[in-house]
Amino acid sequence: MLKPNLILLYVQDPAESSAFYSRLLGQQPSASFPTYVAFEFDGGLSLGLWSMSAENFHTSGEGNRTELAFMVENDAAVERLYDGWRREGVAIEQELMTAVFGRTFVALDPDGHRLRVCTPDD
């Protein structure tokens, strides 16, 4: 069975995005190059930040139509992250709210990628 193991986000400035995600995730990148930065997580998943000005970067798409979601253990954890990210100056696109699955909010990274924090829908 084929399993996804890498999420790529296209970024303008890998150094700025690396600093942002280092703060957000509480860890340093596992790989860092001028046009690409990667973070590794337990379970084999990696997050790659790829510069849109890299020599071999090509895309015909535009916009940020996906979300990188962080599912946390409960509504209180969602609220703690919301408060902490706001204090750190992270842009909030969708304010803290209660959806059918529980508390949630959406923040933005420096390139406008949507970062949703929520609880698992179990």
N, C-alpha and C. Protein backbone atom coordinates (compact mmCIF):
# COMPACT_ATOMS: atom_id res chain seq x y z
N MET A 1 0.85 -1.18 0.00
CA MET A 1 0.00 0.00 0.00
C MET A 1 0.90 1.24 0.00
N LEU A 2 0.56 2.19 -0.81
CA LEU A 2 1.29 3.46 -0.90
C LEU A 2 0.75 4.44 0.13
N LYS A 3 1.65 5.00 0.97
CA LYS A 3 1.24 5.93 2.02
C LYS A 3 1.95 7.27 1.83
N PRO A 4 1.23 8.39 1.88
CA PRO A 4 1.89 9.69 1.80
C PRO A 4 2.86 9.86 2.97
N ASN A 5 4.03 10.45 2.68
CA ASN A 5 4.99 10.67 3.75
C ASN A 5 5.66 12.03 3.68
N LEU A 6 5.23 12.88 2.74
CA LEU A 6 5.81 14.21 2.61
C LEU A 6 4.73 15.20 2.20
N ILE A 7 4.62 16.28 2.94
CA ILE A 7 3.75 17.39 2.58
C ILE A 7 4.67 18.52 2.14
N LEU A 8 4.45 19.07 0.95
CA LEU A 8 5.24 20.18 0.45
C LEU A 8 4.41 21.46 0.46
N LEU A 9 5.00 22.52 0.99
CA LEU A 9 4.40 23.85 0.90
C LEU A 9 5.34 24.71 0.09
N TYR A 10 4.81 25.41 -0.90
CA TYR A 10 5.62 26.31 -1.72
C TYR A 10 5.70 27.65 -1.01
N VAL A 11 6.92 28.16 -0.85
CA VAL A 11 7.14 29.36 -0.06
C VAL A 11 7.99 30.37 -0.82
N GLN A 12 7.84 31.64 -0.46
CA GLN A 12 8.65 32.71 -1.05
C GLN A 12 10.05 32.75 -0.45
N ASP A 13 10.14 32.59 0.86
CA ASP A 13 11.41 32.75 1.57
C ASP A 13 11.59 31.57 2.54
N PRO A 14 12.34 30.54 2.12
CA PRO A 14 12.52 29.37 2.98
C PRO A 14 13.09 29.70 4.36
N ALA A 15 13.98 30.67 4.47
CA ALA A 15 14.55 31.02 5.78
C ALA A 15 13.48 31.59 6.70
N GLU A 16 12.64 32.48 6.18
CA GLU A 16 11.54 33.05 6.99
C GLU A 16 10.56 31.96 7.39
N SER A 17 10.19 31.10 6.43
CA SER A 17 9.25 30.02 6.72
C SER A 17 9.85 29.02 7.70
N SER A 18 11.14 28.74 7.58
CA SER A 18 11.81 27.84 8.50
C SER A 18 11.75 28.38 9.92
N ALA A 19 12.03 29.67 10.09
CA ALA A 19 11.96 30.28 11.42
C ALA A 19 10.54 30.22 11.97
N PHE A 20 9.55 30.50 11.13
CA PHE A 20 8.14 30.45 11.54
C PHE A 20 7.77 29.05 12.02
N TYR A 21 8.06 28.03 11.21
CA TYR A 21 7.68 26.67 11.58
C TYR A 21 8.53 26.13 12.73
N SER A 22 9.77 26.56 12.86
CA SER A 22 10.58 26.15 14.01
C SER A 22 9.92 26.61 15.31
N ARG A 23 9.43 27.87 15.32
CA ARG A 23 8.72 28.39 16.50
C ARG A 23 7.41 27.64 16.72
N LEU A 24 6.65 27.48 15.65
CA LEU A 24 5.34 26.87 15.74
C LEU A 24 5.41 25.41 16.20
N LEU A 25 6.36 24.66 15.65
CA LEU A 25 6.46 23.24 15.92
C LEU A 25 7.35 22.91 17.12
N GLY A 26 8.14 23.89 17.56
CA GLY A 26 9.04 23.65 18.68
C GLY A 26 10.18 22.72 18.34
N GLN A 27 10.64 22.76 17.11
CA GLN A 27 11.75 21.92 16.69
C GLN A 27 12.50 22.57 15.54
N GLN A 28 13.73 22.15 15.36
CA GLN A 28 14.56 22.65 14.26
C GLN A 28 14.39 21.75 13.04
N PRO A 29 14.65 22.28 11.84
CA PRO A 29 14.53 21.45 10.64
C PRO A 29 15.53 20.30 10.64
N SER A 30 15.16 19.22 9.98
CA SER A 30 16.06 18.08 9.81
C SER A 30 16.99 18.27 8.62
N ALA A 31 16.61 19.14 7.70
CA ALA A 31 17.44 19.48 6.54
C ALA A 31 17.19 20.93 6.19
N SER A 32 18.24 21.62 5.78
CA SER A 32 18.10 23.04 5.46
C SER A 32 19.06 23.42 4.34
N PHE A 33 18.51 23.88 3.23
CA PHE A 33 19.26 24.32 2.07
C PHE A 33 18.71 25.69 1.67
N PRO A 34 19.40 26.44 0.84
CA PRO A 34 18.90 27.77 0.47
C PRO A 34 17.49 27.77 -0.14
N THR A 35 17.11 26.70 -0.86
CA THR A 35 15.80 26.68 -1.51
C THR A 35 14.87 25.59 -0.98
N TYR A 36 15.28 24.87 0.09
CA TYR A 36 14.44 23.79 0.61
C TYR A 36 14.77 23.54 2.08
N VAL A 37 13.72 23.41 2.88
CA VAL A 37 13.86 23.11 4.31
C VAL A 37 12.87 21.98 4.62
N ALA A 38 13.29 21.05 5.49
CA ALA A 38 12.41 19.93 5.84
C ALA A 38 12.37 19.74 7.35
N PHE A 39 11.19 19.34 7.82
CA PHE A 39 10.97 18.96 9.21
C PHE A 39 10.48 17.52 9.21
N GLU A 40 11.04 16.69 10.09
CA GLU A 40 10.62 15.29 10.20
C GLU A 40 9.82 15.09 11.48
N PHE A 41 8.81 14.22 11.39
CA PHE A 41 7.94 13.93 12.52
C PHE A 41 7.92 12.43 12.78
N ASP A 42 7.48 12.07 13.97
CA ASP A 42 7.29 10.64 14.28
C ASP A 42 6.31 10.04 13.28
N GLY A 43 6.50 8.78 12.97
CA GLY A 43 5.60 8.09 12.05
C GLY A 43 6.01 8.21 10.60
N GLY A 44 7.13 8.89 10.32
CA GLY A 44 7.63 8.96 8.96
C GLY A 44 7.11 10.10 8.11
N LEU A 45 6.33 11.00 8.66
CA LEU A 45 5.82 12.13 7.91
C LEU A 45 6.82 13.29 7.96
N SER A 46 7.02 13.95 6.83
CA SER A 46 7.89 15.13 6.76
C SER A 46 7.12 16.30 6.15
N LEU A 47 7.53 17.49 6.55
CA LEU A 47 7.00 18.74 5.98
C LEU A 47 8.15 19.41 5.25
N GLY A 48 7.98 19.65 3.95
CA GLY A 48 8.99 20.32 3.15
C GLY A 48 8.54 21.72 2.77
N LEU A 49 9.45 22.67 2.85
CA LEU A 49 9.19 24.06 2.45
C LEU A 49 10.08 24.34 1.24
N TRP A 50 9.48 24.45 0.07
CA TRP A 50 10.22 24.54 -1.18
C TRP A 50 10.08 25.94 -1.77
N SER A 51 11.19 26.57 -2.05
CA SER A 51 11.20 27.93 -2.59
C SER A 51 10.62 27.96 -4.00
N MET A 52 9.72 28.90 -4.22
CA MET A 52 9.14 29.08 -5.56
C MET A 52 10.15 29.68 -6.53
N SER A 53 11.30 30.15 -6.02
CA SER A 53 12.32 30.68 -6.91
C SER A 53 13.44 29.67 -7.16
N ALA A 54 13.28 28.43 -6.70
CA ALA A 54 14.27 27.37 -6.95
C ALA A 54 14.37 27.12 -8.45
N GLU A 55 15.55 26.79 -8.89
CA GLU A 55 15.81 26.60 -10.32
C GLU A 55 14.86 25.60 -10.96
N ASN A 56 14.57 24.51 -10.28
CA ASN A 56 13.73 23.45 -10.87
C ASN A 56 12.28 23.50 -10.41
N PHE A 57 11.85 24.61 -9.85
CA PHE A 57 10.47 24.73 -9.40
C PHE A 57 9.59 25.14 -10.57
N HIS A 58 8.52 24.38 -10.80
CA HIS A 58 7.56 24.70 -11.87
C HIS A 58 6.16 24.42 -11.36
N THR A 59 5.25 25.34 -11.60
CA THR A 59 3.85 25.11 -11.28
C THR A 59 2.99 25.99 -12.16
N SER A 60 1.81 25.51 -12.47
CA SER A 60 0.85 26.33 -13.20
C SER A 60 -0.29 26.75 -12.29
N GLY A 61 -0.26 26.30 -11.03
CA GLY A 61 -1.31 26.63 -10.07
C GLY A 61 -0.96 27.85 -9.26
N GLU A 62 -1.95 28.34 -8.56
CA GLU A 62 -1.72 29.46 -7.66
C GLU A 62 -2.74 29.40 -6.54
N GLY A 63 -2.44 30.09 -5.46
CA GLY A 63 -3.37 30.15 -4.34
C GLY A 63 -3.10 29.06 -3.33
N ASN A 64 -3.74 29.17 -2.20
CA ASN A 64 -3.61 28.22 -1.10
C ASN A 64 -4.98 27.62 -0.82
N ARG A 65 -5.24 26.49 -1.45
CA ARG A 65 -6.56 25.88 -1.35
C ARG A 65 -6.55 24.62 -0.49
N THR A 66 -5.56 24.48 0.37
CA THR A 66 -5.50 23.33 1.26
C THR A 66 -5.23 23.82 2.68
N GLU A 67 -5.31 22.90 3.63
CA GLU A 67 -5.00 23.23 5.01
C GLU A 67 -4.04 22.20 5.56
N LEU A 68 -3.08 22.65 6.31
CA LEU A 68 -2.25 21.79 7.12
C LEU A 68 -2.91 21.77 8.48
N ALA A 69 -3.41 20.60 8.89
CA ALA A 69 -4.20 20.53 10.12
C ALA A 69 -3.40 19.90 11.25
N PHE A 70 -3.59 20.45 12.43
CA PHE A 70 -2.99 19.95 13.66
C PHE A 70 -4.12 19.51 14.56
N MET A 71 -4.34 18.20 14.66
CA MET A 71 -5.39 17.68 15.53
C MET A 71 -4.80 17.49 16.93
N VAL A 72 -5.41 18.12 17.90
CA VAL A 72 -4.93 18.06 19.28
C VAL A 72 -5.95 17.32 20.14
N GLU A 73 -5.57 17.03 21.39
CA GLU A 73 -6.34 16.10 22.21
C GLU A 73 -7.73 16.58 22.64
N ASN A 74 -7.93 17.89 22.80
CA ASN A 74 -9.24 18.34 23.28
C ASN A 74 -9.44 19.84 22.99
N ASP A 75 -10.64 20.31 23.27
CA ASP A 75 -10.98 21.72 23.00
C ASP A 75 -10.08 22.68 23.78
N ALA A 76 -9.71 22.31 25.01
CA ALA A 76 -8.85 23.19 25.81
C ALA A 76 -7.49 23.36 25.14
N ALA A 77 -6.97 22.30 24.51
CA ALA A 77 -5.69 22.40 23.81
C ALA A 77 -5.81 23.32 22.60
N VAL A 78 -6.95 23.26 21.91
CA VAL A 78 -7.19 24.17 20.78
C VAL A 78 -7.13 25.62 21.29
N GLU A 79 -7.80 25.88 22.38
CA GLU A 79 -7.85 27.24 22.92
C GLU A 79 -6.48 27.71 23.40
N ARG A 80 -5.69 26.82 24.00
CA ARG A 80 -4.32 27.19 24.42
C ARG A 80 -3.46 27.57 23.22
N LEU A 81 -3.54 26.79 22.15
CA LEU A 81 -2.76 27.11 20.95
C LEU A 81 -3.23 28.42 20.31
N TYR A 82 -4.53 28.61 20.27
CA TYR A 82 -5.08 29.86 19.74
C TYR A 82 -4.51 31.06 20.49
N ASP A 83 -4.57 31.01 21.82
CA ASP A 83 -4.05 32.11 22.64
C ASP A 83 -2.55 32.29 22.44
N GLY A 84 -1.81 31.19 22.43
CA GLY A 84 -0.36 31.26 22.26
C GLY A 84 0.05 31.80 20.90
N TRP A 85 -0.60 31.32 19.84
CA TRP A 85 -0.25 31.80 18.50
C TRP A 85 -0.60 33.28 18.34
N ARG A 86 -1.71 33.71 18.88
CA ARG A 86 -2.07 35.14 18.81
C ARG A 86 -1.02 35.98 19.52
N ARG A 87 -0.59 35.54 20.72
CA ARG A 87 0.46 36.27 21.46
C ARG A 87 1.75 36.36 20.65
N GLU A 88 2.06 35.32 19.88
CA GLU A 88 3.28 35.31 19.06
C GLU A 88 3.12 36.10 17.76
N GLY A 89 1.93 36.61 17.50
CA GLY A 89 1.71 37.41 16.30
C GLY A 89 1.39 36.62 15.04
N VAL A 90 1.02 35.34 15.20
CA VAL A 90 0.62 34.53 14.05
C VAL A 90 -0.71 35.08 13.53
N ALA A 91 -0.79 35.27 12.22
CA ALA A 91 -2.02 35.79 11.60
C ALA A 91 -3.15 34.76 11.75
N ILE A 92 -4.31 35.22 12.20
CA ILE A 92 -5.48 34.36 12.36
C ILE A 92 -6.46 34.69 11.24
N GLU A 93 -6.80 33.68 10.44
CA GLU A 93 -7.77 33.89 9.35
C GLU A 93 -9.20 33.61 9.80
N GLN A 94 -9.38 32.54 10.57
CA GLN A 94 -10.69 32.20 11.09
C GLN A 94 -10.58 32.15 12.61
N GLU A 95 -11.31 33.02 13.27
CA GLU A 95 -11.24 33.11 14.73
C GLU A 95 -11.70 31.80 15.37
N LEU A 96 -11.35 31.65 16.61
CA LEU A 96 -11.75 30.49 17.40
C LEU A 96 -13.27 30.35 17.35
N MET A 97 -13.75 29.15 17.06
CA MET A 97 -15.18 28.90 16.95
C MET A 97 -15.46 27.45 17.29
N THR A 98 -16.73 27.14 17.46
CA THR A 98 -17.14 25.76 17.68
C THR A 98 -17.82 25.26 16.41
N ALA A 99 -17.23 24.22 15.82
CA ALA A 99 -17.81 23.56 14.65
C ALA A 99 -18.48 22.27 15.12
N VAL A 100 -19.04 21.51 14.21
CA VAL A 100 -19.73 20.28 14.59
C VAL A 100 -18.80 19.30 15.29
N PHE A 101 -17.50 19.37 15.02
CA PHE A 101 -16.53 18.45 15.62
C PHE A 101 -15.83 19.01 16.84
N GLY A 102 -16.10 20.27 17.20
CA GLY A 102 -15.47 20.87 18.38
C GLY A 102 -14.83 22.21 18.08
N ARG A 103 -13.98 22.66 18.99
CA ARG A 103 -13.34 23.97 18.85
C ARG A 103 -12.30 23.92 17.74
N THR A 104 -12.17 25.02 17.01
CA THR A 104 -11.23 25.09 15.89
C THR A 104 -10.91 26.53 15.57
N PHE A 105 -9.81 26.74 14.89
CA PHE A 105 -9.45 28.04 14.31
C PHE A 105 -8.49 27.81 13.17
N VAL A 106 -8.31 28.83 12.34
CA VAL A 106 -7.38 28.74 11.21
C VAL A 106 -6.43 29.92 11.29
N ALA A 107 -5.14 29.60 11.24
CA ALA A 107 -4.08 30.62 11.20
C ALA A 107 -3.45 30.59 9.81
N LEU A 108 -2.57 31.55 9.56
CA LEU A 108 -1.87 31.62 8.28
C LEU A 108 -0.37 31.67 8.51
N ASP A 109 0.39 30.97 7.66
CA ASP A 109 1.84 31.09 7.72
C ASP A 109 2.27 32.30 6.89
N PRO A 110 3.56 32.61 6.80
CA PRO A 110 3.98 33.81 6.07
C PRO A 110 3.58 33.84 4.59
N ASP A 111 3.31 32.66 3.99
CA ASP A 111 2.90 32.60 2.59
C ASP A 111 1.40 32.46 2.41
N GLY A 112 0.65 32.52 3.51
CA GLY A 112 -0.80 32.42 3.42
C GLY A 112 -1.34 31.01 3.44
N HIS A 113 -0.50 30.00 3.71
CA HIS A 113 -1.00 28.64 3.85
C HIS A 113 -1.87 28.56 5.10
N ARG A 114 -2.99 27.88 4.96
CA ARG A 114 -3.95 27.76 6.06
C ARG A 114 -3.49 26.68 7.03
N LEU A 115 -3.49 27.00 8.31
CA LEU A 115 -3.09 26.10 9.39
C LEU A 115 -4.27 25.94 10.34
N ARG A 116 -4.95 24.80 10.25
CA ARG A 116 -6.12 24.57 11.10
C ARG A 116 -5.71 23.80 12.35
N VAL A 117 -6.23 24.22 13.47
CA VAL A 117 -6.08 23.49 14.73
C VAL A 117 -7.48 23.02 15.11
N CYS A 118 -7.60 21.74 15.43
CA CYS A 118 -8.92 21.18 15.77
C CYS A 118 -8.73 19.92 16.58
N THR A 119 -9.84 19.33 16.99
CA THR A 119 -9.82 18.05 17.67
C THR A 119 -10.18 16.96 16.66
N PRO A 120 -9.75 15.72 16.90
CA PRO A 120 -10.14 14.64 15.99
C PRO A 120 -11.66 14.48 16.00
N ASP A 121 -12.21 14.10 14.88
CA ASP A 121 -13.67 13.96 14.77
C ASP A 121 -14.11 12.52 15.07
N ASP A 122 -13.76 12.05 16.28
CA ASP A 122 -14.17 10.69 16.63
C ASP A 122 -15.28 10.66 17.64
